[in-house]
Structure formats: structure tokens, C-alpha cells
Amino acid sequence: MVVMAPSNGINMSEIGGSKGMVFHQKMMNQEFQTANGMLLSSCSTKLVSFELEDYLDILAVSKRIEENTPTLYELDGFEALGSYLQIQPGSDRVPELSMCSIQWYRSTSEGGKRELISGATKSVYAPEPFDVGRVLQADVILFDEQITLTTTGPIDPAAGLGNYVEALVQRHDIEFNVIIAQMNGIDYPSQSIHVLHVGKMRMKLRKGNTTVAKEYYSTSMQLCGVRGGGNAAAQASFWQVKLGLSFVLAFESQRERNAAIMLARRFAYDCNIMLAGPDDRASLGA
């Protein structure tokens, strides 16, 4: 009888006695190692599959959270001269704005160099003539986190304001009815009507026949929209007559306020004076 050698290369003559036992043990070890390798391979494949499924689940949950997470704060209001912008909480679950510090900026374009608007640190800001054509931003800082809010585009001009100013500029002296809201940073006790004169060479504030303030255009004079002040901000301006004397003036309308600022800056420019707000760059022009 012819005995065929097995394919594993082990001589069958070794079968029998202790050698047979050794052979049997070797075969069992090989079968165990093969089975163990198949089991490990299967477990590894399942583990990779589980990890991939878990990762996809985490991504899906993260996406749902991101979609359902409200914006912390947002800008509300018309992005035009004559209106005002207000920072609003995105939901009732975010910290109150009283816990945050705020700073407004203007820039020539989104992502361009920003110019700090000195004193604009309230949740409300009313664009003034210098802001037309520029993007406004507000940094809201809560603890160590900073959120930057940006207008959707440059501030639009007020409809018809340019023509109105061109008509007024032909006069030698233009009068505006105002109420003094503050004097030197302190609330003014009287709510009586005053008259603000914007002239070719100077500005004057009077009540009846009594002159409250009068000054020629100079480098120490400042004029801009009020930087803060709630819903009435669009109708108010800040006027520093000279060092040590300043007023916050409330006008009858947003149109009157912006016209007075534009006229005064134009007349001051004719006197080689760049009339602007606190710390504004003179290169902004009138």
C-alpha cells in the first residue's frame, strides 16, 4: 500500500507513539493559530466598522447641534444713515449684554483695516455721515470670548439728504431747533428749546437772545453723531465747542441732525479745519 505524504510536508511515518502525539499537538496548534487569526481579523474589521459608524454618528449629532444652536448676538436695524443699529441677544439663553463689553468700528470694506469709533461702547449705535459707504462692526466681549458682528454691507446714505444740504448751503447762516440733553457729560436740567446756528465761519448756540456758546471753527472743535443714547441716538449729536465745553444736542429729526453735521463740516473744511468726532482720523474728510 502506498501512503501519500500530506500537503503540510509532515512525514506520516512520524505518526505513532510519542511522535504521533507531537504531530497531533502541532496540528492542533496550527488549527488554533489559524482560527485565532481569523477571529482577530474579523474583530478588527468589526472594530473598524464600529469606529466608522460612531464617527459618522458624532458628525451627524454635531451638525444637528450646530444647526439648532442660536446665534449668541446679532445686529438689528436698518443699515442706513438716519437709522440706528442695536445689538440683540440671539435667544433668551445667552448672557445679558450688561455682562459684556462692546466696541464699535468702521472700515472701508469687510476684512479691511478697522478704525475704532471712540466712545461707541453701547449696544446702540446710530450711523453718522462719516459712516456712509463704510462697513460697521461691533466686538462683543464676554469673559475671554470675543464675537464680532458686521453689517451686511456698507451704510447707505439717507434718501434726499444730499439735495437738502445743497439747498441749505446757499444760506449764510442755518438755524436748527435743539434741546440740550447734556452739558460737559452731565444731564441738562432744562428741556427748553434752543437754537443752533451753523454759519460759514462759526457755530453758535442760543436760547432766546442769550448766547449759550459761540466759537469759530478750530482744531479743538469736535462734531459727530452721539455714540450711544438708546433709540434717540439717530437724532442726537455731540458738539465740543472747545476744550472744557461740550454738549449733547437732540434735534427735531434724524434729517436735521445729519444736515447740521454735514453743513458744519463743509463750512469748517472751507476754513481749512477738519471737523470730526473724538479720535476720528482727519483723513476721513467731510
Protein backbone atom coordinates (compact mmCIF):
# COMPACT_ATOMS: atom_id res chain seq x y z
CA MET A 1 0.00 0.00 0.00
CA VAL A 2 1.30 3.39 -0.95
CA VAL A 3 0.97 6.12 1.64
CA MET A 4 0.71 9.63 0.18
CA ALA A 5 2.57 12.38 2.01
CA PRO A 6 0.22 15.12 3.33
CA SER A 7 0.47 18.56 1.82
CA ASN A 8 1.79 20.07 5.02
CA GLY A 9 5.13 18.33 4.47
CA ILE A 10 4.98 16.17 7.65
CA ASN A 11 6.09 12.57 7.16
CA MET A 12 3.33 10.14 8.07
CA SER A 13 5.93 7.75 9.41
CA GLU A 14 6.17 10.04 12.39
CA ILE A 15 2.64 9.07 13.40
CA GLY A 16 2.64 6.63 16.22
CA GLY A 17 3.75 6.66 19.82
CA SER A 18 5.12 9.88 21.26
CA LYS A 19 5.90 11.18 17.81
CA GLY A 20 2.24 10.81 16.94
CA MET A 21 1.31 12.84 19.98
CA VAL A 22 3.76 15.56 18.97
CA PHE A 23 2.32 15.62 15.49
CA HIS A 24 -1.22 15.78 16.85
CA GLN A 25 -0.25 18.71 19.11
CA LYS A 26 1.38 20.55 16.18
CA MET A 27 -1.77 20.13 14.10
CA MET A 28 -3.92 21.43 16.93
CA ASN A 29 -1.62 24.45 17.42
CA GLN A 30 -1.75 25.26 13.70
CA GLU A 31 -5.54 24.97 13.64
CA PHE A 32 -5.80 27.17 16.78
CA GLN A 33 -3.48 29.81 15.35
CA THR A 34 -5.43 29.83 12.07
CA ALA A 35 -8.75 30.12 13.87
CA ASN A 36 -7.38 32.80 16.22
CA GLY A 37 -6.06 34.79 13.26
CA MET A 38 -9.44 34.61 11.55
CA LEU A 39 -11.16 35.69 14.77
CA LEU A 40 -8.77 38.64 15.26
CA SER A 41 -9.19 39.67 11.63
CA SER A 42 -12.97 39.52 12.00
CA CYS A 43 -12.88 41.50 15.27
CA SER A 44 -10.56 44.09 13.73
CA THR A 45 -12.90 44.53 10.75
CA LYS A 46 -15.90 44.88 13.06
CA LEU A 47 -13.98 47.31 15.28
CA VAL A 48 -13.12 49.50 12.29
CA SER A 49 -16.74 49.31 11.20
CA PHE A 50 -17.95 50.27 14.68
CA GLU A 51 -15.47 53.17 14.88
CA LEU A 52 -16.58 54.49 11.46
CA GLU A 53 -20.25 54.25 12.42
CA ASP A 54 -19.58 56.02 15.73
CA TYR A 55 -17.66 58.78 13.94
CA LEU A 56 -20.48 59.30 11.44
CA ASP A 57 -22.99 59.41 14.29
CA ILE A 58 -20.91 62.04 16.11
CA LEU A 59 -20.71 64.15 12.94
CA ALA A 60 -24.47 63.93 12.47
CA VAL A 61 -25.15 64.96 16.07
CA SER A 62 -22.61 67.79 15.84
CA LYS A 63 -24.27 69.05 12.67
CA ARG A 64 -27.70 68.98 14.30
CA ILE A 65 -26.37 70.88 17.32
CA GLU A 66 -24.71 73.48 15.07
CA GLU A 67 -27.92 73.95 13.07
CA ASN A 68 -30.07 74.27 16.17
CA THR A 69 -27.65 76.44 18.19
CA PRO A 70 -28.89 80.04 18.19
CA THR A 71 -26.59 82.96 17.37
CA LEU A 72 -25.33 84.46 20.60
CA TYR A 73 -25.80 88.06 19.49
CA GLU A 74 -26.89 89.77 16.27
CA LEU A 75 -27.21 93.24 14.73
CA ASP A 76 -30.71 94.59 14.32
CA GLY A 77 -31.82 97.72 12.44
CA PHE A 78 -31.63 99.41 9.05
CA GLU A 79 -28.09 99.82 7.77
CA ALA A 80 -28.59 103.40 6.61
CA LEU A 81 -27.95 106.94 7.73
CA GLY A 82 -30.90 108.17 9.77
CA SER A 83 -31.47 104.82 11.46
CA TYR A 84 -29.71 103.06 14.33
CA LEU A 85 -28.20 99.63 14.88
CA GLN A 86 -28.72 97.65 18.04
CA ILE A 87 -27.00 94.53 19.34
CA GLN A 88 -29.62 91.98 20.36
CA PRO A 89 -29.29 88.60 22.13
CA GLY A 90 -29.83 85.69 19.77
CA SER A 91 -32.02 83.90 22.33
CA ASP A 92 -33.15 84.17 25.92
CA ARG A 93 -30.48 81.65 26.91
CA VAL A 94 -27.44 83.84 26.25
CA PRO A 95 -25.89 86.18 28.87
CA GLU A 96 -27.27 89.69 29.09
CA LEU A 97 -25.40 92.42 27.27
CA SER A 98 -24.79 94.18 30.59
CA MET A 99 -22.25 91.41 31.26
CA CYS A 100 -20.37 92.18 28.02
CA SER A 101 -18.01 94.91 26.89
CA ILE A 102 -18.73 96.45 23.48
CA GLN A 103 -16.68 98.42 20.96
CA TRP A 104 -17.81 99.66 17.55
CA TYR A 105 -15.54 100.07 14.50
CA ARG A 106 -15.80 101.35 10.94
CA SER A 107 -13.83 100.16 7.92
CA THR A 108 -13.77 100.77 4.18
CA SER A 109 -14.69 97.15 3.49
CA GLU A 110 -15.36 93.89 5.29
CA GLY A 111 -12.00 92.49 6.30
CA GLY A 112 -10.29 95.86 5.74
CA LYS A 113 -8.40 97.87 8.32
CA ARG A 114 -10.72 98.87 11.14
CA GLU A 115 -10.91 102.27 12.78
CA LEU A 116 -12.07 102.40 16.37
CA ILE A 117 -15.04 104.71 16.95
CA SER A 118 -14.04 106.37 20.20
CA GLY A 119 -16.78 106.36 22.81
CA ALA A 120 -19.02 103.95 20.87
CA THR A 121 -19.26 101.33 23.60
CA LYS A 122 -23.03 100.89 23.93
CA SER A 123 -25.35 98.29 22.45
CA VAL A 124 -26.89 101.02 20.24
CA TYR A 125 -25.03 102.97 17.57
CA ALA A 126 -26.57 105.42 15.11
CA PRO A 127 -24.55 105.79 11.88
CA GLU A 128 -23.43 109.35 11.15
CA PRO A 129 -22.36 110.95 7.84
CA PHE A 130 -18.76 109.65 8.12
CA ASP A 131 -20.13 106.08 8.18
CA VAL A 132 -21.86 106.26 4.80
CA GLY A 133 -20.17 103.87 2.38
CA ARG A 134 -18.34 102.09 5.20
CA VAL A 135 -18.86 98.77 6.94
CA LEU A 136 -19.61 98.85 10.67
CA GLN A 137 -18.54 96.20 13.14
CA ALA A 138 -19.11 95.65 16.83
CA ASP A 139 -16.91 93.50 19.06
CA VAL A 140 -18.86 91.89 21.89
CA ILE A 141 -16.55 90.50 24.57
CA LEU A 142 -17.88 88.09 27.17
CA PHE A 143 -15.27 86.87 29.65
CA ASP A 144 -12.42 85.73 27.35
CA GLU A 145 -14.60 85.16 24.27
CA GLN A 146 -14.96 87.76 21.51
CA ILE A 147 -17.77 87.85 18.96
CA THR A 148 -17.56 90.25 16.00
CA LEU A 149 -20.81 91.41 14.43
CA THR A 150 -20.67 93.02 10.97
CA THR A 151 -23.20 94.88 8.85
CA THR A 152 -24.22 93.03 5.70
CA GLY A 153 -22.71 95.82 3.62
CA PRO A 154 -21.70 99.50 3.66
CA ILE A 155 -24.02 102.02 5.31
CA ASP A 156 -26.43 103.55 2.80
CA PRO A 157 -27.00 107.32 2.52
CA ALA A 158 -30.28 108.86 3.61
CA ALA A 159 -32.65 109.41 0.73
CA GLY A 160 -32.82 113.04 -0.34
CA LEU A 161 -30.39 114.30 2.31
CA GLY A 162 -27.75 115.38 -0.19
CA ASN A 163 -30.16 117.61 -2.09
CA TYR A 164 -31.47 119.06 1.17
CA VAL A 165 -27.95 120.00 2.29
CA GLU A 166 -27.13 121.52 -1.11
CA ALA A 167 -30.16 123.77 -0.79
CA LEU A 168 -29.21 124.88 2.72
CA VAL A 169 -25.56 125.54 1.92
CA GLN A 170 -26.53 128.56 -0.15
CA ARG A 171 -27.52 130.39 3.03
CA HIS A 172 -25.06 132.31 5.18
CA ASP A 173 -26.50 131.01 8.45
CA ILE A 174 -28.71 127.95 9.04
CA GLU A 175 -30.79 127.50 12.20
CA PHE A 176 -31.81 124.23 13.86
CA ASN A 177 -34.08 123.81 16.88
CA VAL A 178 -32.43 121.64 19.52
CA ILE A 179 -32.73 120.57 23.13
CA ILE A 180 -29.62 120.31 25.32
CA ALA A 181 -29.51 116.74 26.62
CA GLN A 182 -26.12 117.02 28.32
CA MET A 183 -23.55 119.67 29.08
CA ASN A 184 -19.99 118.53 29.83
CA GLY A 185 -21.23 114.97 30.25
CA ILE A 186 -23.91 115.84 32.82
CA ASP A 187 -27.64 115.66 32.12
CA TYR A 188 -29.02 119.11 31.44
CA PRO A 189 -31.88 120.10 33.80
CA SER A 190 -33.90 122.13 31.29
CA GLN A 191 -35.81 120.72 28.32
CA SER A 192 -36.40 124.13 26.74
CA ILE A 193 -35.86 124.77 23.04
CA HIS A 194 -32.53 126.27 21.98
CA VAL A 195 -31.37 127.35 18.53
CA LEU A 196 -28.17 126.06 16.96
CA HIS A 197 -26.66 128.32 14.31
CA VAL A 198 -24.39 126.71 11.73
CA GLY A 199 -22.60 129.50 9.87
CA LYS A 200 -19.87 129.89 7.31
CA MET A 201 -17.25 130.83 9.92
CA ARG A 202 -18.62 129.71 13.28
CA MET A 203 -21.28 127.86 15.26
CA LYS A 204 -23.48 129.36 17.95
CA LEU A 205 -25.99 128.03 20.48
CA ARG A 206 -28.55 130.37 21.98
CA LYS A 207 -31.74 130.44 23.98
CA GLY A 208 -33.82 133.42 23.02
CA ASN A 209 -31.44 136.38 22.97
CA THR A 210 -28.98 134.71 25.35
CA THR A 211 -25.90 133.14 23.81
CA VAL A 212 -25.01 129.86 25.50
CA ALA A 213 -21.95 129.07 23.37
CA LYS A 214 -20.24 130.59 20.34
CA GLU A 215 -17.00 129.60 18.65
CA TYR A 216 -15.20 129.90 15.33
CA TYR A 217 -14.22 126.64 13.63
CA SER A 218 -10.94 125.44 15.12
CA THR A 219 -8.86 122.33 15.64
CA SER A 220 -10.20 121.96 19.17
CA MET A 221 -13.83 121.84 17.98
CA GLN A 222 -15.41 118.42 17.50
CA LEU A 223 -18.75 117.41 15.97
CA CYS A 224 -20.23 113.97 15.35
CA GLY A 225 -23.26 111.83 15.95
CA VAL A 226 -23.78 110.87 19.57
CA ARG A 227 -22.18 107.50 20.29
CA GLY A 228 -24.81 105.68 22.27
CA GLY A 229 -28.01 107.05 23.76
CA GLY A 230 -30.67 104.45 23.01
CA ASN A 231 -33.39 104.82 20.40
CA ALA A 232 -32.93 108.60 20.18
CA ALA A 233 -29.28 108.32 19.15
CA ALA A 234 -30.09 108.92 15.48
CA GLN A 235 -31.43 112.39 16.37
CA ALA A 236 -28.58 113.50 18.66
CA SER A 237 -25.11 114.90 18.09
CA PHE A 238 -22.02 115.56 20.20
CA TRP A 239 -20.54 119.04 19.91
CA GLN A 240 -17.32 120.01 21.64
CA VAL A 241 -17.23 123.78 21.31
CA LYS A 242 -13.73 123.99 22.73
CA LEU A 243 -11.70 122.23 25.39
CA GLY A 244 -13.75 122.10 28.57
CA LEU A 245 -17.14 122.83 26.96
CA SER A 246 -19.27 120.21 25.21
CA PHE A 247 -22.93 119.45 24.56
CA VAL A 248 -25.13 116.58 23.51
CA LEU A 249 -27.87 118.13 21.37
CA ALA A 250 -31.16 116.49 20.40
CA PHE A 251 -32.60 117.61 17.06
CA GLU A 252 -36.17 117.56 15.82
CA SER A 253 -35.41 114.74 13.37
CA GLN A 254 -32.66 112.49 12.05
CA ARG A 255 -32.59 114.55 8.87
CA GLU A 256 -31.93 117.79 10.76
CA ARG A 257 -29.20 116.21 12.83
CA ASN A 258 -27.33 114.82 9.83
CA ALA A 259 -27.79 118.00 7.81
CA ALA A 260 -26.31 120.10 10.64
CA ILE A 261 -23.27 117.82 10.86
CA MET A 262 -22.70 117.83 7.10
CA LEU A 263 -23.08 121.61 6.81
CA ALA A 264 -20.75 122.35 9.71
CA ARG A 265 -18.10 120.02 8.33
CA ARG A 266 -18.39 121.58 4.90
CA PHE A 267 -18.06 125.13 6.24
CA ALA A 268 -15.20 124.11 8.52
CA TYR A 269 -13.41 122.49 5.58
CA ASP A 270 -13.64 125.80 3.73
CA CYS A 271 -11.80 127.26 6.75
CA ASN A 272 -9.11 124.54 6.48
CA ILE A 273 -10.50 122.71 9.54
CA MET A 274 -11.31 119.00 9.50
CA LEU A 275 -14.32 118.76 11.80
CA ALA A 276 -14.78 115.26 13.19
CA GLY A 277 -15.52 113.30 16.35
CA PRO A 278 -13.18 112.31 19.18
CA ASP A 279 -10.11 110.48 17.87
CA ASP A 280 -11.51 110.25 14.33
CA ARG A 281 -8.92 110.27 11.57
CA ALA A 282 -8.74 113.65 9.86
CA SER A 283 -8.15 111.83 6.55
CA LEU A 284 -11.80 110.75 6.54
CA GLY A 285 -12.70 114.14 5.12
CA ALA A 286 -16.02 115.91 5.24
